[in-house]
């Protein structure tokens, strides 16, 4: 970001009289809202800092760090006294006053777009640090940024600033917002598309490795014959023998590799057990194959919806940001999504739908597309009596997005798990339900 552009932004901010709300909407992004819903966001990521229009932009998740608490406490509802650049550097400072019962409380938000020193610092009227987006100690820099310590100025910029003029600042901020949106959209699509592709390729490799049913049946029969031959010649086998040279029941010569067992007398049982295992696998092979194919179809649907996504919110719905410092998650035999503090469990196939239904509690919320096949979704209530409407709407959209890639209007039924009765497998009947309409563009 050029110096003259930041200077024009400072003049633009000076037109507003009050900051209605101040919050962090990304790990390094601060959003200030002014009159009539006009909002500007400041991305303070090192190496790619920028300012852009943020009308209607929502937070990616909730932030509750000391910096966020102080930011809201000192700047929400505060009157703007001055917005200016500090010295000849790319440091934007917004001085405010918050009217109190006795006197106005003055504070400053200092936004530094200065390369490796890029930071957002909250100061009191004496220039003492209240909080900062990034704390800096004396080991890292000559300039300590810690609460309770007076902020030293940066070394002045030496050199000439590029001259220029930003005529229409609002248009400039809108263009930056659009460019940022497109850039981030492509980055998110590329990142998540790569992860989905790896999942699908792994499942396809597992599918390709599945043995043929005929091969398993033939192996089961062969091992069963080996077991019978071993039992017939058990008295001839020495404890140290590793092969048995004999003939099968049709008189054909056969060589059987013998296992190392603590009790050689149970060698016949060993072969019979292997034969039974192969026969069971052959019998259930279609279940495993169906499971893999349905999971591939599930991720392929997500892949199509990712390609069609036109906003970060749509992508965040299917790929929520990872929550830091969370306790180790339990092992889920399904896909897990997050909606604030709520977990949403989604079955990727019939077997997982059954698992989701069986492990849901009576107070959890169940969702399913109305009168058509779809994933079973469960919102885990976590002991709470009511689930917010916005969480139900988000879960309903996830239910649609993971069940179909076709655009249209879809009806999603939802009710408490206690009202859902399992009839057979993943087939259910349910009562006392409501319906929500989800439009998929």
Protein backbone atom coordinates (compact mmCIF):
# COMPACT_ATOMS: atom_id res chain seq x y z
CA UNK A 1 0.00 0.00 0.00
CA UNK A 2 1.41 3.34 -1.08
CA UNK A 3 1.92 6.27 1.31
CA UNK A 4 -0.31 8.69 -0.60
CA UNK A 5 -3.12 6.09 -0.68
CA UNK A 6 -2.96 5.66 3.10
CA UNK A 7 -2.95 9.44 3.48
CA UNK A 8 -6.12 9.67 1.39
CA UNK A 9 -7.71 6.93 3.54
CA UNK A 10 -6.88 8.95 6.69
CA UNK A 11 -8.62 12.01 5.20
CA UNK A 12 -11.61 9.82 4.26
CA UNK A 13 -11.92 8.46 7.81
CA UNK A 14 -11.74 11.99 9.17
CA UNK A 15 -15.12 12.70 7.56
CA UNK A 16 -16.90 10.38 9.99
CA UNK A 17 -17.90 11.57 13.45
CA UNK A 18 -18.24 8.29 15.33
CA UNK A 19 -17.11 4.65 15.34
CA UNK A 20 -20.27 2.62 15.85
CA UNK A 21 -18.52 -0.72 16.24
CA UNK A 22 -14.95 -2.03 16.26
CA UNK A 23 -14.09 -5.72 16.09
CA UNK A 24 -11.65 -8.25 14.73
CA UNK A 25 -13.17 -10.26 11.85
CA UNK A 26 -10.07 -12.25 10.94
CA UNK A 27 -6.84 -13.26 12.67
CA UNK A 28 -5.20 -10.05 11.44
CA UNK A 29 -8.19 -8.07 10.17
CA UNK A 30 -9.89 -5.23 12.11
CA UNK A 31 -13.23 -3.81 10.97
CA UNK A 32 -14.51 -0.35 11.92
CA UNK A 33 -18.13 0.54 11.20
CA UNK A 34 -19.25 4.16 10.90
CA UNK A 35 -22.53 5.91 10.08
CA UNK A 36 -25.19 4.24 7.87
CA UNK A 37 -23.41 0.89 7.84
CA UNK A 38 -20.30 2.20 6.09
CA UNK A 39 -17.33 0.09 7.20
CA UNK A 40 -13.61 -0.13 6.49
CA UNK A 41 -11.37 -3.10 7.28
CA UNK A 42 -7.62 -3.11 7.90
CA UNK A 43 -5.66 -6.27 7.11
CA UNK A 44 -2.47 -6.18 9.20
CA UNK A 45 -0.90 -9.38 7.89
CA UNK A 46 2.84 -8.97 7.52
CA UNK A 47 3.90 -8.63 3.90
CA UNK A 48 0.35 -8.19 2.53
CA UNK A 49 -1.28 -5.48 4.63
CA UNK A 50 -4.08 -3.46 3.02
CA UNK A 51 -7.21 -1.36 3.61
CA UNK A 52 -10.53 -2.18 1.94
CA UNK A 53 -14.28 -1.55 2.08
CA UNK A 54 -16.04 -3.94 4.46
CA UNK A 55 -19.76 -3.10 4.34
CA UNK A 56 -21.68 -6.21 5.39
CA UNK A 57 -18.52 -8.28 5.93
CA UNK A 58 -19.05 -10.76 8.77
CA UNK A 59 -16.49 -12.22 11.20
CA UNK A 60 -14.97 -15.59 10.35
CA UNK A 61 -15.27 -16.59 14.01
CA UNK A 62 -15.59 -15.00 17.46
CA UNK A 63 -12.49 -13.39 19.00
CA UNK A 64 -12.21 -12.94 22.77
CA UNK A 65 -8.54 -12.09 23.36
CA UNK A 66 -7.60 -9.15 25.65
CA UNK A 67 -6.95 -7.09 22.51
CA UNK A 68 -10.54 -7.67 21.30
CA UNK A 69 -12.03 -6.83 24.69
CA UNK A 70 -10.07 -3.58 24.89
CA UNK A 71 -10.86 -2.69 21.28
CA UNK A 72 -14.62 -2.98 21.88
CA UNK A 73 -14.44 -1.30 25.28
CA UNK A 74 -12.55 1.80 24.09
CA UNK A 75 -13.78 2.25 20.50
CA UNK A 76 -17.39 1.04 20.16
CA UNK A 77 -19.52 4.19 20.21
CA UNK A 78 -16.47 6.47 20.48
CA UNK A 79 -16.35 9.93 18.90
CA UNK A 80 -13.61 10.44 16.30
CA UNK A 81 -11.35 13.36 17.19
CA UNK A 82 -8.78 12.99 14.45
CA UNK A 83 -7.54 10.53 11.81
CA UNK A 84 -4.01 11.23 10.57
CA UNK A 85 -0.65 9.76 9.60
CA UNK A 86 2.20 9.75 12.12
CA UNK A 87 5.23 11.55 10.72
CA UNK A 88 6.36 10.55 7.26
CA UNK A 89 5.62 6.87 7.81
CA UNK A 90 2.79 4.53 6.87
CA UNK A 91 1.25 4.67 10.34
CA UNK A 92 -2.44 5.53 10.53
CA UNK A 93 -3.63 6.84 13.88
CA UNK A 94 -7.28 7.32 14.85
CA UNK A 95 -7.79 9.39 18.01
CA UNK A 96 -11.15 8.97 19.73
CA UNK A 97 -13.01 9.99 22.87
CA UNK A 98 -15.60 7.88 24.64
CA UNK A 99 -18.06 9.98 26.60
CA UNK A 100 -18.49 8.74 30.19
CA UNK A 101 -20.47 9.76 33.26
CA UNK A 102 -17.74 12.14 34.48
CA UNK A 103 -15.31 12.82 31.66
CA UNK A 104 -14.38 11.66 28.18
CA UNK A 105 -11.95 8.73 27.96
CA UNK A 106 -9.43 9.34 25.19
CA UNK A 107 -7.73 6.54 23.27
CA UNK A 108 -5.91 5.97 20.00
CA UNK A 109 -5.87 3.11 17.51
CA UNK A 110 -2.50 3.04 15.79
CA UNK A 111 -2.41 0.93 12.61
CA UNK A 112 1.14 0.41 11.39
CA UNK A 113 1.63 -0.72 7.78
CA UNK A 114 5.41 -0.92 8.15
CA UNK A 115 6.66 -4.28 6.90
CA UNK A 116 7.95 -6.46 9.72
CA UNK A 117 6.67 -3.95 12.31
CA UNK A 118 3.08 -4.21 10.96
CA UNK A 119 0.79 -4.09 13.97
CA UNK A 120 -2.38 -2.66 15.55
CA UNK A 121 -1.75 -0.94 18.88
CA UNK A 122 -4.28 0.53 21.33
CA UNK A 123 -2.94 3.53 23.26
CA UNK A 124 -4.24 5.72 26.06
CA UNK A 125 -4.03 9.52 25.89
CA UNK A 126 -0.46 9.46 27.31
CA UNK A 127 0.81 7.09 24.63
CA UNK A 128 0.96 4.06 26.93
CA UNK A 129 0.11 0.72 25.33
CA UNK A 130 -3.27 -0.65 26.43
CA UNK A 131 -3.14 -3.72 24.18
CA UNK A 132 -1.71 -4.79 20.83
CA UNK A 133 -2.46 -7.28 18.11
CA UNK A 134 1.13 -8.50 18.41
CA UNK A 135 3.16 -8.13 21.57
CA UNK A 136 6.88 -7.43 21.08
CA UNK A 137 9.45 -7.86 23.84
CA UNK A 138 12.95 -6.42 24.19
CA UNK A 139 14.57 -9.60 22.82
CA UNK A 140 12.79 -9.20 19.48
CA UNK A 141 13.11 -5.44 18.93
CA UNK A 142 14.41 -2.18 20.38
CA UNK A 143 10.77 -1.07 20.51
CA UNK A 144 8.82 -2.91 23.18
CA UNK A 145 5.09 -3.30 22.56
CA UNK A 146 3.60 -4.54 25.84
CA UNK A 147 0.62 -3.35 27.91
CA UNK A 148 1.56 -0.69 30.45
CA UNK A 149 4.71 0.43 28.62
CA UNK A 150 4.98 3.77 26.80
CA UNK A 151 5.25 3.24 23.07
CA UNK A 152 8.48 4.47 21.50
CA UNK A 153 8.35 5.89 17.97
CA UNK A 154 9.75 3.87 15.08
CA UNK A 155 12.91 5.04 13.39
CA UNK A 156 11.85 7.74 10.89
CA UNK A 157 11.55 6.73 7.26
CA UNK A 158 14.48 7.92 5.18
CA UNK A 159 13.87 8.45 1.52
CA UNK A 160 11.30 9.92 -0.82
CA UNK A 161 7.69 8.82 -0.86
CA UNK A 162 6.06 7.99 -4.19
CA UNK A 163 3.86 10.89 -5.21
CA UNK A 164 0.31 10.43 -6.40
CA UNK A 165 -3.29 11.20 -5.66
CA UNK A 166 -6.26 9.00 -4.84
CA UNK A 167 -9.19 10.99 -6.19
CA UNK A 168 -12.14 8.75 -5.24
CA UNK A 169 -11.18 7.00 -1.99
CA UNK A 170 -14.47 5.14 -1.66
CA UNK A 171 -14.12 3.71 -5.16
CA UNK A 172 -10.52 2.78 -4.38
CA UNK A 173 -11.59 0.92 -1.20
CA UNK A 174 -14.37 -0.91 -3.08
CA UNK A 175 -11.91 -1.97 -5.79
CA UNK A 176 -9.47 -3.24 -3.14
CA UNK A 177 -12.29 -5.18 -1.47
CA UNK A 178 -13.30 -6.78 -4.78
CA UNK A 179 -9.72 -7.64 -5.70
CA UNK A 180 -9.13 -9.09 -2.23
CA UNK A 181 -12.35 -11.11 -2.39
CA UNK A 182 -11.41 -12.63 -5.76
CA UNK A 183 -7.85 -13.32 -4.67
CA UNK A 184 -8.86 -14.96 -1.39
CA UNK A 185 -11.62 -16.91 -3.13
CA UNK A 186 -9.11 -18.39 -5.58
CA UNK A 187 -6.64 -19.14 -2.77
CA UNK A 188 -9.30 -20.89 -0.68
CA UNK A 189 -10.63 -22.84 -3.66
CA UNK A 190 -7.13 -23.96 -4.64
CA UNK A 191 -6.25 -24.99 -1.07
CA UNK A 192 -9.46 -26.90 -0.34
CA UNK A 193 -9.65 -28.39 -3.84
CA UNK A 194 -6.18 -29.88 -3.28
CA UNK A 195 -7.25 -31.39 0.05
CA UNK A 196 -10.43 -32.85 -1.47
CA UNK A 197 -8.50 -34.24 -4.42
CA UNK A 198 -6.10 -36.03 -2.06
CA UNK A 199 -9.02 -37.53 -0.12
CA UNK A 200 -10.72 -38.75 -3.29
CA UNK A 201 -7.46 -40.18 -4.69
CA UNK A 202 -6.79 -42.01 -1.41
CA UNK A 203 -10.27 -43.53 -1.42
CA UNK A 204 -9.91 -44.51 -5.08
CA UNK A 205 -6.61 -46.25 -4.28
CA UNK A 206 -8.32 -48.16 -1.46
CA UNK A 207 -11.12 -49.09 -3.85
CA UNK A 208 -8.65 -50.30 -6.47
CA UNK A 209 -6.85 -52.44 -3.85
CA UNK A 210 -10.00 -54.31 -2.90
CA UNK A 211 -9.67 -57.98 -3.90
CA UNK A 212 -12.18 -59.59 -6.26
CA UNK A 213 -14.92 -61.68 -4.67
CA UNK A 214 -13.94 -64.70 -6.79
CA UNK A 215 -10.33 -64.46 -5.57
CA UNK A 216 -11.44 -64.41 -1.92
CA UNK A 217 -13.81 -67.35 -2.44
CA UNK A 218 -11.02 -69.32 -4.13
CA UNK A 219 -8.62 -68.46 -1.28
CA UNK A 220 -11.18 -69.55 1.32
CA UNK A 221 -11.66 -72.88 -0.42
CA UNK A 222 -7.90 -73.43 -0.78
CA UNK A 223 -7.20 -72.65 2.89
CA UNK A 224 -10.03 -74.95 3.94
CA UNK A 225 -8.44 -77.79 1.92
CA UNK A 226 -5.05 -76.98 3.50
CA UNK A 227 -6.63 -77.24 6.94
CA UNK A 228 -8.06 -80.67 6.14
CA UNK A 229 -4.73 -81.91 4.73
CA UNK A 230 -2.80 -80.61 7.75
CA UNK A 231 -5.22 -82.32 10.13
CA UNK A 232 -4.89 -85.57 8.19
CA UNK A 233 -1.07 -85.44 8.42
CA UNK A 234 -0.77 -83.80 11.84
CA UNK A 235 1.02 -86.84 13.31
CA UNK A 236 3.76 -86.47 10.67
CA UNK A 237 4.49 -82.78 11.31
CA UNK A 238 7.48 -82.01 13.55
CA UNK A 239 7.51 -78.83 15.70
CA UNK A 240 10.36 -77.38 13.60
CA UNK A 241 8.82 -78.18 10.17
CA UNK A 242 8.07 -75.14 8.00
CA UNK A 243 6.62 -76.98 4.98
CA UNK A 244 4.39 -79.96 4.42
CA UNK A 245 4.93 -81.91 1.19
CA UNK A 246 1.81 -83.98 0.48
CA UNK A 247 -1.02 -84.59 -1.98
CA UNK A 248 -4.54 -83.14 -1.99
CA UNK A 249 -7.71 -85.24 -1.98
CA UNK A 250 -7.55 -85.59 -5.77
CA UNK A 251 -4.00 -86.97 -5.69
CA UNK A 252 -2.26 -83.79 -6.88
CA UNK A 253 1.05 -82.86 -5.17
CA UNK A 254 0.81 -79.86 -2.84
CA UNK A 255 3.28 -77.84 -0.76
CA UNK A 256 1.84 -76.07 2.29
CA UNK A 257 3.78 -73.34 4.10
CA UNK A 258 3.35 -73.98 7.83
CA UNK A 259 3.03 -71.12 10.35
CA UNK A 260 5.04 -70.81 13.56
CA UNK A 261 2.60 -71.62 16.37
CA UNK A 262 3.14 -72.20 20.12
CA UNK A 263 1.01 -75.33 19.79
CA UNK A 264 1.56 -77.14 16.45
CA UNK A 265 -1.46 -79.30 17.24
CA UNK A 266 -3.70 -76.32 16.44
CA UNK A 267 -2.29 -75.85 12.95
CA UNK A 268 -5.45 -77.16 11.30
CA UNK A 269 -7.60 -74.70 13.23
CA UNK A 270 -5.30 -71.91 12.05
CA UNK A 271 -6.00 -72.67 8.37
CA UNK A 272 -9.72 -73.05 9.00
CA UNK A 273 -9.77 -69.65 10.74
CA UNK A 274 -8.01 -68.04 7.74
CA UNK A 275 -10.49 -69.72 5.40
CA UNK A 276 -13.44 -68.43 7.43
CA UNK A 277 -11.99 -64.91 7.45
CA UNK A 278 -11.56 -64.94 3.65
CA UNK A 279 -15.11 -66.25 3.18
CA UNK A 280 -16.54 -63.54 5.46
CA UNK A 281 -14.59 -60.87 3.61
CA UNK A 282 -15.90 -62.15 0.28
CA UNK A 283 -19.45 -62.07 1.64
CA UNK A 284 -19.09 -58.49 2.92
CA UNK A 285 -16.92 -57.16 0.12
CA UNK A 286 -19.87 -55.35 -1.52
CA UNK A 287 -20.49 -53.41 1.74
CA UNK A 288 -16.90 -52.13 1.84
CA UNK A 289 -17.00 -51.28 -1.86
CA UNK A 290 -20.31 -49.40 -1.44
CA UNK A 291 -18.89 -47.54 1.55
CA UNK A 292 -15.84 -46.34 -0.43
CA UNK A 293 -17.91 -45.38 -3.49
CA UNK A 294 -20.40 -43.39 -1.40
CA UNK A 295 -17.59 -41.50 0.35
CA UNK A 296 -16.03 -40.69 -3.03
CA UNK A 297 -19.44 -39.41 -4.20
CA UNK A 298 -19.77 -37.33 -1.01
CA UNK A 299 -16.42 -35.58 -1.53
CA UNK A 300 -17.10 -35.20 -5.27
CA UNK A 301 -20.31 -33.31 -4.39
CA UNK A 302 -18.31 -31.07 -2.06
CA UNK A 303 -15.78 -30.57 -4.86
CA UNK A 304 -18.49 -29.38 -7.28
CA UNK A 305 -19.99 -27.06 -4.68
CA UNK A 306 -16.52 -25.66 -3.94
CA UNK A 307 -15.98 -24.87 -7.64
CA UNK A 308 -19.37 -23.11 -7.78
CA UNK A 309 -18.82 -21.07 -4.57
CA UNK A 310 -18.95 -17.31 -5.10
CA UNK A 311 -18.05 -16.10 -1.59
CA UNK A 312 -15.81 -16.92 1.36
CA UNK A 313 -18.92 -17.55 3.49
CA UNK A 314 -19.99 -20.43 1.21
CA UNK A 315 -16.55 -22.00 1.48
CA UNK A 316 -16.35 -21.43 5.25
CA UNK A 317 -19.64 -23.34 5.55
CA UNK A 318 -18.09 -26.52 4.15
CA UNK A 319 -14.56 -25.87 5.43
CA UNK A 320 -14.81 -23.99 8.74
CA UNK A 321 -11.59 -22.44 10.10
CA UNK A 322 -9.79 -24.78 12.48
CA UNK A 323 -10.35 -23.88 16.11
CA UNK A 324 -7.10 -23.45 18.00
CA UNK A 325 -6.45 -24.74 21.50
CA UNK A 326 -9.41 -27.12 21.38
CA UNK A 327 -9.41 -30.33 23.33
CA UNK A 328 -8.66 -33.43 21.31
CA UNK A 329 -11.78 -34.35 19.36
CA UNK A 330 -13.48 -37.69 19.87
CA UNK A 331 -13.27 -40.22 17.05
CA UNK A 332 -16.20 -39.56 14.75
CA UNK A 333 -17.21 -42.09 12.10
CA UNK A 334 -18.67 -39.29 9.97
CA UNK A 335 -17.88 -35.81 8.67
CA UNK A 336 -17.64 -33.08 11.32
CA UNK A 337 -18.57 -29.41 10.78
CA UNK A 338 -18.62 -26.47 13.20
CA UNK A 339 -21.17 -23.72 13.73
CA UNK A 340 -19.81 -21.52 16.50
CA UNK A 341 -19.67 -23.73 19.59
CA UNK A 342 -21.93 -26.40 18.05
CA UNK A 343 -20.76 -29.57 16.30
CA UNK A 344 -22.68 -30.76 13.25
CA UNK A 345 -22.29 -34.46 12.38
CA UNK A 346 -22.99 -35.51 8.77
CA UNK A 347 -23.19 -39.08 7.49
CA UNK A 348 -21.35 -39.67 4.22
CA UNK A 349 -23.10 -42.97 3.46
CA UNK A 350 -25.71 -45.34 4.88
CA UNK A 351 -23.37 -46.87 7.42
CA UNK A 352 -22.33 -43.45 8.75
CA UNK A 353 -25.95 -42.27 8.74
CA UNK A 354 -26.77 -45.22 11.01
CA UNK A 355 -23.81 -44.33 13.26
CA UNK A 356 -24.92 -40.68 13.46
CA UNK A 357 -28.48 -41.69 14.40
CA UNK A 358 -27.39 -44.20 17.04
CA UNK A 359 -24.90 -41.85 18.73
CA UNK A 360 -27.19 -38.81 18.84
CA UNK A 361 -28.80 -37.87 22.16
CA UNK A 362 -32.49 -37.14 22.67
CA UNK A 363 -31.91 -33.37 22.90
CA UNK A 364 -29.78 -33.18 19.72
CA UNK A 365 -31.33 -31.76 16.54
CA UNK A 366 -31.81 -34.04 13.51
CA UNK A 367 -32.03 -32.73 9.91
CA UNK A 368 -32.77 -34.36 6.55
CA UNK A 369 -33.89 -33.23 3.08
CA UNK A 370 -37.66 -33.54 2.76
CA UNK A 371 -38.93 -36.52 0.73
CA UNK A 372 -35.59 -37.25 -0.98
CA UNK A 373 -32.33 -39.07 -0.21
CA UNK A 374 -29.75 -37.06 1.70
CA UNK A 375 -27.22 -37.17 4.49
CA UNK A 376 -28.52 -37.42 8.03
CA UNK A 377 -27.30 -34.40 10.01
CA UNK A 378 -27.16 -34.03 13.78
CA UNK A 379 -26.54 -30.79 15.71
CA UNK A 380 -25.06 -31.78 19.05
CA UNK A 381 -26.84 -29.71 21.69
CA UNK A 382 -24.19 -30.38 24.35
CA UNK A 383 -26.75 -30.27 27.14
CA UNK A 384 -28.25 -26.95 26.03
CA UNK A 385 -32.05 -26.82 25.92
CA UNK A 386 -32.41 -24.70 22.79
CA UNK A 387 -30.36 -24.50 19.62
CA UNK A 388 -30.23 -21.01 18.00
CA UNK A 389 -32.09 -20.55 14.73
CA UNK A 390 -28.97 -19.40 12.87
CA UNK A 391 -27.19 -22.67 13.82
CA UNK A 392 -30.17 -24.69 12.51
CA UNK A 393 -30.11 -22.69 9.26
CA UNK A 394 -26.38 -23.29 8.88
CA UNK A 395 -26.82 -27.03 9.51
CA UNK A 396 -29.68 -27.12 6.97
CA UNK A 397 -27.45 -25.48 4.37
CA UNK A 398 -24.68 -27.99 5.13
CA UNK A 399 -27.24 -30.78 4.70
CA UNK A 400 -28.11 -29.43 1.24
CA UNK A 401 -24.51 -28.70 0.21
CA UNK A 402 -23.29 -32.19 1.15
CA UNK A 403 -26.25 -33.99 -0.45
CA UNK A 404 -26.52 -32.37 -3.89
CA UNK A 405 -24.58 -30.18 -6.30
CA UNK A 406 -27.68 -29.12 -8.28
CA UNK A 407 -29.03 -25.56 -7.79
CA UNK A 408 -32.61 -25.03 -6.66
CA UNK A 409 -34.86 -24.60 -3.64
CA UNK A 410 -34.72 -27.42 -1.10
CA UNK A 411 -36.87 -28.16 1.94
CA UNK A 412 -35.09 -29.50 5.03
CA UNK A 413 -37.05 -31.11 7.87
CA UNK A 414 -35.67 -30.81 11.40
CA UNK A 415 -36.75 -32.08 14.79
CA UNK A 416 -35.24 -33.31 18.04
CA UNK A 417 -33.66 -36.75 17.93
CA UNK A 418 -36.22 -38.00 20.46
CA UNK A 419 -38.88 -37.60 17.74
CA UNK A 420 -37.01 -39.76 15.22
CA UNK A 421 -37.64 -43.53 15.13
CA UNK A 422 -35.24 -45.85 13.30
CA UNK A 423 -37.25 -48.33 11.21
CA UNK A 424 -34.53 -50.18 9.32
CA UNK A 425 -30.90 -49.24 8.74
CA UNK A 426 -30.92 -45.49 8.05
CA UNK A 427 -34.64 -45.41 7.20
CA UNK A 428 -36.59 -43.42 9.80
CA UNK A 429 -39.98 -41.98 10.63
CA UNK A 430 -40.32 -38.71 12.54
CA UNK A 431 -42.92 -36.45 14.13
CA UNK A 432 -43.22 -32.90 15.57
CA UNK A 433 -40.94 -31.49 12.90
CA UNK A 434 -40.48 -28.08 11.30
CA UNK A 435 -39.33 -27.35 7.76
CA UNK A 436 -36.87 -24.76 6.53
CA UNK A 437 -36.34 -23.65 2.91
CA UNK A 438 -32.78 -23.42 1.59
CA UNK A 439 -32.03 -21.83 -1.78
CA UNK A 440 -28.92 -23.14 -3.51
CA UNK A 441 -27.61 -20.82 -6.22
